[in-house]
């Protein structure tokens, strides 16, 4: 095996970074499509993709804004509606919980 120069090693590391960056960008776009299509919440999206809620939020707000600003605006609209409705959803969940406790 030939000796590897530090420059060669750095090029390999950079190539790896680009692969990861491409994967993250693809994931951000895929997540955005899912949220827009299904009107899903951050929690539902995180569960669907097997990632954390903070990763979904970071992908949809920061990363997507740099990749595709118009898509980011569309996702932001869905997330804003979900945020406005969450107190209603929470109240319904609590109501269901106590209805089932009385049975």
PDB file of N, CA and C in Angstrom:
ATOM      1  N   UNK A   1       0.848  -1.174   0.000  1.00  0.00           N
ATOM      2  CA  UNK A   1       0.000   0.000   0.000  1.00  0.00           C
ATOM      3  C   UNK A   1       0.894   1.238   0.000  1.00  0.00           C
ATOM      4  N   UNK A   2       0.665   2.167  -0.951  1.00  0.00           N
ATOM      5  CA  UNK A   2       1.519   3.353  -1.021  1.00  0.00           C
ATOM      6  C   UNK A   2       1.235   4.300   0.144  1.00  0.00           C
ATOM      7  N   UNK A   3       2.263   5.019   0.569  1.00  0.00           N
ATOM      8  CA  UNK A   3       2.035   5.979   1.657  1.00  0.00           C
ATOM      9  C   UNK A   3       1.085   7.084   1.186  1.00  0.00           C
ATOM     10  N   UNK A   4       0.250   7.513   2.064  1.00  0.00           N
ATOM     11  CA  UNK A   4      -0.711   8.549   1.697  1.00  0.00           C
ATOM     12  C   UNK A   4      -0.266   9.892   2.265  1.00  0.00           C
ATOM     13  N   UNK A   5      -0.254  10.874   1.395  1.00  0.00           N
ATOM     14  CA  UNK A   5       0.141  12.207   1.838  1.00  0.00           C
ATOM     15  C   UNK A   5      -1.009  12.834   2.624  1.00  0.00           C
ATOM     16  N   UNK A   6      -0.694  13.781   3.488  1.00  0.00           N
ATOM     17  CA  UNK A   6      -1.758  14.460   4.231  1.00  0.00           C
ATOM     18  C   UNK A   6      -2.779  15.126   3.300  1.00  0.00           C
ATOM     19  N   UNK A   7      -2.321  15.634   2.151  1.00  0.00           N
ATOM     20  CA  UNK A   7      -3.246  16.273   1.206  1.00  0.00           C
ATOM     21  C   UNK A   7      -4.255  15.254   0.680  1.00  0.00           C
ATOM     22  N   UNK A   8      -3.800  14.036   0.412  1.00  0.00           N
ATOM     23  CA  UNK A   8      -4.680  12.981  -0.080  1.00  0.00           C
ATOM     24  C   UNK A   8      -5.731  12.646   0.978  1.00  0.00           C
ATOM     25  N   UNK A   9      -5.303  12.563   2.222  1.00  0.00           N
ATOM     26  CA  UNK A   9      -6.221  12.249   3.317  1.00  0.00           C
ATOM     27  C   UNK A   9      -7.265  13.354   3.461  1.00  0.00           C
ATOM     28  N   UNK A  10      -6.841  14.606   3.347  1.00  0.00           N
ATOM     29  CA  UNK A  10      -7.771  15.727   3.444  1.00  0.00           C
ATOM     30  C   UNK A  10      -8.800  15.658   2.328  1.00  0.00           C
ATOM     31  N   UNK A  11      -8.377  15.302   1.107  1.00  0.00           N
ATOM     32  CA  UNK A  11      -9.309  15.202  -0.013  1.00  0.00           C
ATOM     33  C   UNK A  11     -10.361  14.130   0.256  1.00  0.00           C
ATOM     34  N   UNK A  12      -9.953  13.026   0.857  1.00  0.00           N
ATOM     35  CA  UNK A  12     -10.902  11.968   1.193  1.00  0.00           C
ATOM     36  C   UNK A  12     -11.911  12.489   2.216  1.00  0.00           C
ATOM     37  N   UNK A  13     -11.420  13.206   3.225  1.00  0.00           N
ATOM     38  CA  UNK A  13     -12.316  13.741   4.243  1.00  0.00           C
ATOM     39  C   UNK A  13     -13.310  14.718   3.623  1.00  0.00           C
ATOM     40  N   UNK A  14     -12.837  15.583   2.740  1.00  0.00           N
ATOM     41  CA  UNK A  14     -13.734  16.539   2.096  1.00  0.00           C
ATOM     42  C   UNK A  14     -14.761  15.827   1.235  1.00  0.00           C
ATOM     43  N   UNK A  15     -14.337  14.786   0.540  1.00  0.00           N
ATOM     44  CA  UNK A  15     -15.280  14.018  -0.281  1.00  0.00           C
ATOM     45  C   UNK A  15     -16.359  13.415   0.606  1.00  0.00           C
ATOM     46  N   UNK A  16     -15.976  12.921   1.765  1.00  0.00           N
ATOM     47  CA  UNK A  16     -16.951  12.375   2.703  1.00  0.00           C
ATOM     48  C   UNK A  16     -17.924  13.433   3.180  1.00  0.00           C
ATOM     49  N   UNK A  17     -17.428  14.640   3.438  1.00  0.00           N
ATOM     50  CA  UNK A  17     -18.299  15.728   3.866  1.00  0.00           C
ATOM     51  C   UNK A  17     -19.339  16.057   2.800  1.00  0.00           C
ATOM     52  N   UNK A  18     -18.932  16.031   1.546  1.00  0.00           N
ATOM     53  CA  UNK A  18     -19.870  16.344   0.472  1.00  0.00           C
ATOM     54  C   UNK A  18     -20.972  15.294   0.394  1.00  0.00           C
ATOM     55  N   UNK A  19     -20.613  14.041   0.607  1.00  0.00           N
ATOM     56  CA  UNK A  19     -21.615  12.975   0.588  1.00  0.00           C
ATOM     57  C   UNK A  19     -22.623  13.200   1.710  1.00  0.00           C
ATOM     58  N   UNK A  20     -22.138  13.504   2.889  1.00  0.00           N
ATOM     59  CA  UNK A  20     -23.019  13.746   4.026  1.00  0.00           C
ATOM     60  C   UNK A  20     -23.883  14.974   3.759  1.00  0.00           C
ATOM     61  N   UNK A  21     -23.286  16.020   3.220  1.00  0.00           N
ATOM     62  CA  UNK A  21     -24.033  17.240   2.938  1.00  0.00           C
ATOM     63  C   UNK A  21     -25.151  16.960   1.936  1.00  0.00           C
ATOM     64  N   UNK A  22     -24.854  16.191   0.890  1.00  0.00           N
ATOM     65  CA  UNK A  22     -25.879  15.841  -0.094  1.00  0.00           C
ATOM     66  C   UNK A  22     -27.010  15.063   0.564  1.00  0.00           C
ATOM     67  N   UNK A  23     -26.662  14.146   1.439  1.00  0.00           N
ATOM     68  CA  UNK A  23     -27.671  13.339   2.130  1.00  0.00           C
ATOM     69  C   UNK A  23     -28.573  14.231   2.985  1.00  0.00           C
ATOM     70  N   UNK A  24     -27.967  15.161   3.687  1.00  0.00           N
ATOM     71  CA  UNK A  24     -28.739  16.053   4.554  1.00  0.00           C
ATOM     72  C   UNK A  24     -29.667  16.932   3.718  1.00  0.00           C
ATOM     73  N   UNK A  25     -29.164  17.436   2.598  1.00  0.00           N
ATOM     74  CA  UNK A  25     -29.997  18.272   1.729  1.00  0.00           C
ATOM     75  C   UNK A  25     -31.166  17.466   1.162  1.00  0.00           C
ATOM     76  N   UNK A  26     -30.887  16.243   0.736  1.00  0.00           N
ATOM     77  CA  UNK A  26     -31.958  15.382   0.215  1.00  0.00           C
ATOM     78  C   UNK A  26     -33.000  15.100   1.292  1.00  0.00           C
ATOM     79  N   UNK A  27     -32.523  14.850   2.515  1.00  0.00           N
ATOM     80  CA  UNK A  27     -33.439  14.577   3.624  1.00  0.00           C
ATOM     81  C   UNK A  27     -34.306  15.805   3.909  1.00  0.00           C
ATOM     82  N   UNK A  28     -33.707  16.982   3.891  1.00  0.00           N
ATOM     83  CA  UNK A  28     -34.461  18.208   4.162  1.00  0.00           C
ATOM     84  C   UNK A  28     -35.568  18.413   3.131  1.00  0.00           C
ATOM     85  N   UNK A  29     -35.261  18.173   1.867  1.00  0.00           N
ATOM     86  CA  UNK A  29     -36.262  18.330   0.806  1.00  0.00           C
ATOM     87  C   UNK A  29     -37.347  17.263   0.937  1.00  0.00           C
ATOM     88  N   UNK A  30     -36.939  16.040   1.267  1.00  0.00           N
ATOM     89  CA  UNK A  30     -37.907  14.950   1.432  1.00  0.00           C
ATOM     90  C   UNK A  30     -38.844  15.224   2.613  1.00  0.00           C
ATOM     91  N   UNK A  31     -38.277  15.709   3.707  1.00  0.00           N
ATOM     92  CA  UNK A  31     -39.075  16.060   4.883  1.00  0.00           C
ATOM     93  C   UNK A  31     -40.061  17.172   4.538  1.00  0.00           C
ATOM     94  N   UNK A  32     -39.588  18.166   3.807  1.00  0.00           N
ATOM     95  CA  UNK A  32     -40.451  19.283   3.416  1.00  0.00           C
ATOM     96  C   UNK A  32     -41.632  18.788   2.588  1.00  0.00           C
ATOM     97  N   UNK A  33     -41.357  17.922   1.641  1.00  0.00           N
ATOM     98  CA  UNK A  33     -42.426  17.367   0.816  1.00  0.00           C
ATOM     99  C   UNK A  33     -43.441  16.616   1.649  1.00  0.00           C
ATOM    100  N   UNK A  34     -42.957  15.855   2.614  1.00  0.00           N
ATOM    101  CA  UNK A  34     -43.848  15.082   3.489  1.00  0.00           C
ATOM    102  C   UNK A  34     -44.742  16.010   4.314  1.00  0.00           C
ATOM    103  N   UNK A  35     -44.148  17.046   4.882  1.00  0.00           N
ATOM    104  CA  UNK A  35     -44.915  17.975   5.722  1.00  0.00           C
ATOM    105  C   UNK A  35     -45.980  18.695   4.898  1.00  0.00           C
ATOM    106  N   UNK A  36     -45.608  19.151   3.714  1.00  0.00           N
ATOM    107  CA  UNK A  36     -46.562  19.872   2.865  1.00  0.00           C
ATOM    108  C   UNK A  36     -47.681  18.946   2.399  1.00  0.00           C
ATOM    109  N   UNK A  37     -47.313  17.750   2.005  1.00  0.00           N
ATOM    110  CA  UNK A  37     -48.284  16.789   1.470  1.00  0.00           C
ATOM    111  C   UNK A  37     -49.287  16.319   2.519  1.00  0.00           C
ATOM    112  N   UNK A  38     -48.792  16.045   3.718  1.00  0.00           N
ATOM    113  CA  UNK A  38     -49.644  15.446   4.754  1.00  0.00           C
ATOM    114  C   UNK A  38     -50.072  16.432   5.836  1.00  0.00           C
ATOM    115  N   UNK A  39     -49.541  17.654   5.801  1.00  0.00           N
ATOM    116  CA  UNK A  39     -49.806  18.659   6.849  1.00  0.00           C
ATOM    117  C   UNK A  39     -49.390  18.123   8.220  1.00  0.00           C
ATOM    118  N   UNK A  40     -48.326  17.336   8.230  1.00  0.00           N
ATOM    119  CA  UNK A  40     -47.867  16.675   9.453  1.00  0.00           C
ATOM    120  C   UNK A  40     -47.213  17.663  10.408  1.00  0.00           C
ATOM    121  N   UNK A  41     -47.246  17.312  11.683  1.00  0.00           N
ATOM    122  CA  UNK A  41     -46.556  18.093  12.702  1.00  0.00           C
ATOM    123  C   UNK A  41     -45.085  17.681  12.726  1.00  0.00           C
ATOM    124  N   UNK A  42     -44.287  18.459  13.441  1.00  0.00           N
ATOM    125  CA  UNK A  42     -42.865  18.131  13.584  1.00  0.00           C
ATOM    126  C   UNK A  42     -42.720  16.772  14.267  1.00  0.00           C
ATOM    127  N   UNK A  43     -43.531  16.524  15.271  1.00  0.00           N
ATOM    128  CA  UNK A  43     -43.468  15.253  16.003  1.00  0.00           C
ATOM    129  C   UNK A  43     -43.815  14.071  15.098  1.00  0.00           C
ATOM    130  N   UNK A  44     -44.877  14.206  14.307  1.00  0.00           N
ATOM    131  CA  UNK A  44     -45.271  13.133  13.389  1.00  0.00           C
ATOM    132  C   UNK A  44     -44.187  12.890  12.341  1.00  0.00           C
ATOM    133  N   UNK A  45     -43.600  13.967  11.851  1.00  0.00           N
ATOM    134  CA  UNK A  45     -42.551  13.854  10.836  1.00  0.00           C
ATOM    135  C   UNK A  45     -41.319  13.171  11.411  1.00  0.00           C
ATOM    136  N   UNK A  46     -40.935  13.554  12.621  1.00  0.00           N
ATOM    137  CA  UNK A  46     -39.772  12.944  13.266  1.00  0.00           C
ATOM    138  C   UNK A  46     -39.984  11.444  13.439  1.00  0.00           C
ATOM    139  N   UNK A  47     -41.170  11.063  13.844  1.00  0.00           N
ATOM    140  CA  UNK A  47     -41.474   9.643  14.029  1.00  0.00           C
ATOM    141  C   UNK A  47     -41.429   8.904  12.694  1.00  0.00           C
ATOM    142  N   UNK A  48     -41.986   9.510  11.652  1.00  0.00           N
ATOM    143  CA  UNK A  48     -42.023   8.892  10.326  1.00  0.00           C
ATOM    144  C   UNK A  48     -40.615   8.650   9.774  1.00  0.00           C
ATOM    145  N   UNK A  49     -39.710   9.621   9.973  1.00  0.00           N
ATOM    146  CA  UNK A  49     -38.370   9.531   9.408  1.00  0.00           C
ATOM    147  C   UNK A  49     -37.346   8.940  10.372  1.00  0.00           C
ATOM    148  N   UNK A  50     -37.743   8.706  11.615  1.00  0.00           N
ATOM    149  CA  UNK A  50     -36.834   8.109  12.590  1.00  0.00           C
ATOM    150  C   UNK A  50     -35.714   9.040  13.013  1.00  0.00           C
ATOM    151  N   UNK A  51     -36.022  10.333  13.094  1.00  0.00           N
ATOM    152  CA  UNK A  51     -35.037  11.324  13.527  1.00  0.00           C
ATOM    153  C   UNK A  51     -35.652  12.165  14.641  1.00  0.00           C
ATOM    154  N   UNK A  52     -34.843  13.018  15.253  1.00  0.00           N
ATOM    155  CA  UNK A  52     -35.346  13.816  16.368  1.00  0.00           C
ATOM    156  C   UNK A  52     -36.173  15.003  15.877  1.00  0.00           C
ATOM    157  N   UNK A  53     -37.000  15.524  16.778  1.00  0.00           N
ATOM    158  CA  UNK A  53     -37.810  16.697  16.445  1.00  0.00           C
ATOM    159  C   UNK A  53     -36.916  17.893  16.142  1.00  0.00           C
ATOM    160  N   UNK A  54     -35.815  18.013  16.869  1.00  0.00           N
ATOM    161  CA  UNK A  54     -34.918  19.149  16.630  1.00  0.00           C
ATOM    162  C   UNK A  54     -34.263  19.060  15.255  1.00  0.00           C
ATOM    163  N   UNK A  55     -33.980  17.851  14.782  1.00  0.00           N
ATOM    164  CA  UNK A  55     -33.416  17.682  13.438  1.00  0.00           C
ATOM    165  C   UNK A  55     -34.439  18.070  12.382  1.00  0.00           C
ATOM    166  N   UNK A  56     -35.685  17.668  12.576  1.00  0.00           N
ATOM    167  CA  UNK A  56     -36.749  18.053  11.636  1.00  0.00           C
ATOM    168  C   UNK A  56     -36.858  19.569  11.595  1.00  0.00           C
ATOM    169  N   UNK A  57     -36.872  20.187  12.760  1.00  0.00           N
ATOM    170  CA  UNK A  57     -37.007  21.644  12.836  1.00  0.00           C
ATOM    171  C   UNK A  57     -35.824  22.333  12.166  1.00  0.00           C
ATOM    172  N   UNK A  58     -34.612  21.859  12.440  1.00  0.00           N
ATOM    173  CA  UNK A  58     -33.404  22.442  11.840  1.00  0.00           C
ATOM    174  C   UNK A  58     -33.433  22.291  10.322  1.00  0.00           C
ATOM    175  N   UNK A  59     -33.812  21.099   9.845  1.00  0.00           N
ATOM    176  CA  UNK A  59     -33.892  20.870   8.400  1.00  0.00           C
ATOM    177  C   UNK A  59     -34.903  21.807   7.751  1.00  0.00           C
ATOM    178  N   UNK A  60     -36.042  21.988   8.393  1.00  0.00           N
ATOM    179  CA  UNK A  60     -37.137  22.761   7.788  1.00  0.00           C
ATOM    180  C   UNK A  60     -36.942  24.263   7.881  1.00  0.00           C
ATOM    181  N   UNK A  61     -36.214  24.725   8.857  1.00  0.00           N
ATOM    182  CA  UNK A  61     -36.053  26.170   9.002  1.00  0.00           C
ATOM    183  C   UNK A  61     -34.719  26.649   8.447  1.00  0.00           C
ATOM    184  N   UNK A  62     -33.624  26.134   8.946  1.00  0.00           N
ATOM    185  CA  UNK A  62     -32.306  26.633   8.544  1.00  0.00           C
ATOM    186  C   UNK A  62     -31.837  26.067   7.209  1.00  0.00           C
ATOM    187  N   UNK A  63     -31.730  24.760   7.136  1.00  0.00           N
ATOM    188  CA  UNK A  63     -31.137  24.131   5.947  1.00  0.00           C
ATOM    189  C   UNK A  63     -31.986  24.338   4.703  1.00  0.00           C
ATOM    190  N   UNK A  64     -33.282  24.164   4.825  1.00  0.00           N
ATOM    191  CA  UNK A  64     -34.167  24.280   3.669  1.00  0.00           C
ATOM    192  C   UNK A  64     -34.182  25.706   3.127  1.00  0.00           C
ATOM    193  N   UNK A  65     -34.031  26.677   4.000  1.00  0.00           N
ATOM    194  CA  UNK A  65     -33.993  28.081   3.570  1.00  0.00           C
ATOM    195  C   UNK A  65     -32.829  28.317   2.610  1.00  0.00           C
ATOM    196  N   UNK A  66     -31.713  27.658   2.831  1.00  0.00           N
ATOM    197  CA  UNK A  66     -30.544  27.802   1.958  1.00  0.00           C
ATOM    198  C   UNK A  66     -30.682  26.980   0.686  1.00  0.00           C
ATOM    199  N   UNK A  67     -31.365  25.853   0.763  1.00  0.00           N
ATOM    200  CA  UNK A  67     -31.494  24.954  -0.388  1.00  0.00           C
ATOM    201  C   UNK A  67     -32.582  25.439  -1.344  1.00  0.00           C
ATOM    202  N   UNK A  68     -33.769  25.717  -0.794  1.00  0.00           N
ATOM    203  CA  UNK A  68     -34.928  26.070  -1.621  1.00  0.00           C
ATOM    204  C   UNK A  68     -35.844  27.000  -0.820  1.00  0.00           C
ATOM    205  N   UNK A  69     -35.635  28.307  -0.918  1.00  0.00           N
ATOM    206  CA  UNK A  69     -36.403  29.256  -0.105  1.00  0.00           C
ATOM    207  C   UNK A  69     -37.924  29.185  -0.303  1.00  0.00           C
ATOM    208  N   UNK A  70     -38.382  28.934  -1.520  1.00  0.00           N
ATOM    209  CA  UNK A  70     -39.834  28.880  -1.732  1.00  0.00           C
ATOM    210  C   UNK A  70     -40.437  27.652  -1.047  1.00  0.00           C
ATOM    211  N   UNK A  71     -39.730  26.538  -1.080  1.00  0.00           N
ATOM    212  CA  UNK A  71     -40.181  25.336  -0.379  1.00  0.00           C
ATOM    213  C   UNK A  71     -40.174  25.579   1.130  1.00  0.00           C
ATOM    214  N   UNK A  72     -39.158  26.298   1.597  1.00  0.00           N
ATOM    215  CA  UNK A  72     -39.064  26.621   3.026  1.00  0.00           C
ATOM    216  C   UNK A  72     -40.258  27.467   3.469  1.00  0.00           C
ATOM    217  N   UNK A  73     -40.687  28.407   2.634  1.00  0.00           N
ATOM    218  CA  UNK A  73     -41.855  29.233   2.973  1.00  0.00           C
ATOM    219  C   UNK A  73     -43.126  28.385   3.056  1.00  0.00           C
ATOM    220  N   UNK A  74     -43.274  27.452   2.132  1.00  0.00           N
ATOM    221  CA  UNK A  74     -44.457  26.580   2.138  1.00  0.00           C
ATOM    222  C   UNK A  74     -44.489  25.725   3.407  1.00  0.00           C
ATOM    223  N   UNK A  75     -43.333  25.196   3.796  1.00  0.00           N
ATOM    224  CA  UNK A  75     -43.251  24.390   5.023  1.00  0.00           C
ATOM    225  C   UNK A  75     -43.534  25.271   6.233  1.00  0.00           C
ATOM    226  N   UNK A  76     -42.988  26.472   6.235  1.00  0.00           N
ATOM    227  CA  UNK A  76     -43.196  27.404   7.346  1.00  0.00           C
ATOM    228  C   UNK A  76     -44.691  27.678   7.535  1.00  0.00           C
ATOM    229  N   UNK A  77     -45.426  27.827   6.432  1.00  0.00           N
ATOM    230  CA  UNK A  77     -46.874  28.064   6.523  1.00  0.00           C
ATOM    231  C   UNK A  77     -47.581  26.901   7.212  1.00  0.00           C
ATOM    232  N   UNK A  78     -47.226  25.676   6.839  1.00  0.00           N
ATOM    233  CA  UNK A  78     -47.838  24.492   7.466  1.00  0.00           C
ATOM    234  C   UNK A  78     -47.471  24.431   8.946  1.00  0.00           C
ATOM    235  N   UNK A  79     -46.198  24.671   9.260  1.00  0.00           N
ATOM    236  CA  UNK A  79     -45.763  24.610  10.657  1.00  0.00           C
ATOM    237  C   UNK A  79     -46.433  25.696  11.492  1.00  0.00           C
ATOM    238  N   UNK A  80     -46.645  26.882  10.902  1.00  0.00           N
ATOM    239  CA  UNK A  80     -47.327  27.955  11.629  1.00  0.00           C
ATOM    240  C   UNK A  80     -48.776  27.585  11.936  1.00  0.00           C
ATOM    241  N   UNK A  81     -49.458  26.980  10.973  1.00  0.00           N
ATOM    242  CA  UNK A  81     -50.842  26.532  11.204  1.00  0.00           C
ATOM    243  C   UNK A  81     -50.861  25.479  12.309  1.00  0.00           C
ATOM    244  N   UNK A  82     -49.927  24.523  12.244  1.00  0.00           N
ATOM    245  CA  UNK A  82     -49.854  23.485  13.279  1.00  0.00           C
ATOM    246  C   UNK A  82     -49.618  24.098  14.653  1.00  0.00           C
ATOM    247  N   UNK A  83     -48.775  25.120  14.699  1.00  0.00           N
ATOM    248  CA  UNK A  83     -48.476  25.763  15.978  1.00  0.00           C
ATOM    249  C   UNK A  83     -49.724  26.460  16.534  1.00  0.00           C
ATOM    250  N   UNK A  84     -50.497  27.089  15.654  1.00  0.00           N
ATOM    251  CA  UNK A  84     -51.718  27.769  16.090  1.00  0.00           C
ATOM    252  C   UNK A  84     -52.770  26.775  16.582  1.00  0.00           C
ATOM    253  N   UNK A  85     -52.765  25.574  16.031  1.00  0.00           N
ATOM    254  CA  UNK A  85     -53.784  24.580  16.375  1.00  0.00           C
ATOM    255  C   UNK A  85     -53.377  23.655  17.512  1.00  0.00           C
ATOM    256  N   UNK A  86     -52.145  23.729  17.973  1.00  0.00           N
ATOM    257  CA  UNK A  86     -51.681  22.710  18.923  1.00  0.00           C
ATOM    258  C   UNK A  86     -52.415  22.754  20.257  1.00  0.00           C
ATOM    259  N   UNK A  87     -52.850  23.925  20.697  1.00  0.00           N
ATOM    260  CA  UNK A  87     -53.581  23.977  21.972  1.00  0.00           C
ATOM    261  C   UNK A  87     -54.930  23.264  21.850  1.00  0.00           C
ATOM    262  N   UNK A  88     -55.511  23.293  20.662  1.00  0.00           N
ATOM    263  CA  UNK A  88     -56.778  22.590  20.440  1.00  0.00           C
ATOM    264  C   UNK A  88     -56.545  21.087  20.459  1.00  0.00           C
ATOM    265  N   UNK A  89     -55.482  20.650  19.757  1.00  0.00           N
ATOM    266  CA  UNK A  89     -55.160  19.217  19.729  1.00  0.00           C
ATOM    267  C   UNK A  89     -54.852  18.699  21.123  1.00  0.00           C
ATOM    268  N   UNK A  90     -54.130  19.500  21.898  1.00  0.00           N
ATOM    269  CA  UNK A  90     -53.793  19.099  23.263  1.00  0.00           C
ATOM    270  C   UNK A  90     -55.036  18.949  24.119  1.00  0.00           C
ATOM    271  N   UNK A  91     -55.975  19.861  23.967  1.00  0.00           N
ATOM    272  CA  UNK A  91     -57.228  19.792  24.716  1.00  0.00           C
ATOM    273  C   UNK A  91     -58.043  18.571  24.340  1.00  0.00           C
ATOM    274  N   UNK A  92     -58.062  18.238  23.061  1.00  0.00           N
ATOM    275  CA  UNK A  92     -58.810  17.057  22.610  1.00  0.00           C
ATOM    276  C   UNK A  92     -58.179  15.784  23.156  1.00  0.00           C
ATOM    277  N   UNK A  93     -56.844  15.740  23.201  1.00  0.00           N
ATOM    278  CA  UNK A  93     -56.154  14.557  23.719  1.00  0.00           C
ATOM    279  C   UNK A  93     -56.455  14.372  25.205  1.00  0.00           C
ATOM    280  N   UNK A  94     -56.465  15.473  25.946  1.00  0.00           N
ATOM    281  CA  UNK A  94     -56.775  15.398  27.374  1.00  0.00           C
ATOM    282  C   UNK A  94     -58.216  14.937  27.581  1.00  0.00           C
ATOM    283  N   UNK A  95     -59.124  15.458  26.786  1.00  0.00           N
ATOM    284  CA  UNK A  95     -60.540  15.069  26.876  1.00  0.00           C
ATOM    285  C   UNK A  95     -60.698  13.568  26.623  1.00  0.00           C
ATOM    286  N   UNK A  96     -60.041  13.080  25.578  1.00  0.00           N
ATOM    287  CA  UNK A  96     -60.111  11.647  25.256  1.00  0.00           C
ATOM    288  C   UNK A  96     -59.557  10.797  26.398  1.00  0.00           C
ATOM    289  N   UNK A  97     -58.469  11.273  26.975  1.00  0.00           N
ATOM    290  CA  UNK A  97     -57.842  10.535  28.070  1.00  0.00           C
ATOM    291  C   UNK A  97     -58.827  10.350  29.228  1.00  0.00           C
ATOM    292  N   UNK A  98     -59.484  11.434  29.615  1.00  0.00           N
ATOM    293  CA  UNK A  98     -60.381  11.356  30.759  1.00  0.00           C
ATOM    294  C   UNK A  98     -61.698  10.673  30.426  1.00  0.00           C
ATOM    295  N   UNK A  99     -62.118  10.704  29.175  1.00  0.00           N
ATOM    296  CA  UNK A  99     -63.311   9.957  28.777  1.00  0.00           C
ATOM    297  C   UNK A  99     -63.077   8.460  28.923  1.00  0.00           C
ATOM    298  N   UNK A 100     -61.871   8.022  28.572  1.00  0.00           N
ATOM    299  CA  UNK A 100     -61.549   6.597  28.665  1.00  0.00           C
ATOM    300  C   UNK A 100     -61.296   6.161  30.104  1.00  0.00           C
ATOM    301  N   UNK A 101     -60.866   7.074  30.961  1.00  0.00           N
ATOM    302  CA  UNK A 101     -60.652   6.727  32.367  1.00  0.00           C
ATOM    303  C   UNK A 101     -61.976   6.453  33.074  1.00  0.00           C
ATOM    304  N   UNK A 102     -63.040   7.118  32.637  1.00  0.00           N
ATOM    305  CA  UNK A 102     -64.346   6.952  33.265  1.00  0.00           C
ATOM    306  C   UNK A 102     -65.036   5.652  32.896  1.00  0.00           C
ATOM    307  N   UNK A 103     -64.535   4.946  31.917  1.00  0.00           N
ATOM    308  CA  UNK A 103     -65.182   3.701  31.462  1.00  0.00           C
ATOM    309  C   UNK A 103     -64.879   2.530  32.352  1.00  0.00           C
TER     310      UNK A 103
END
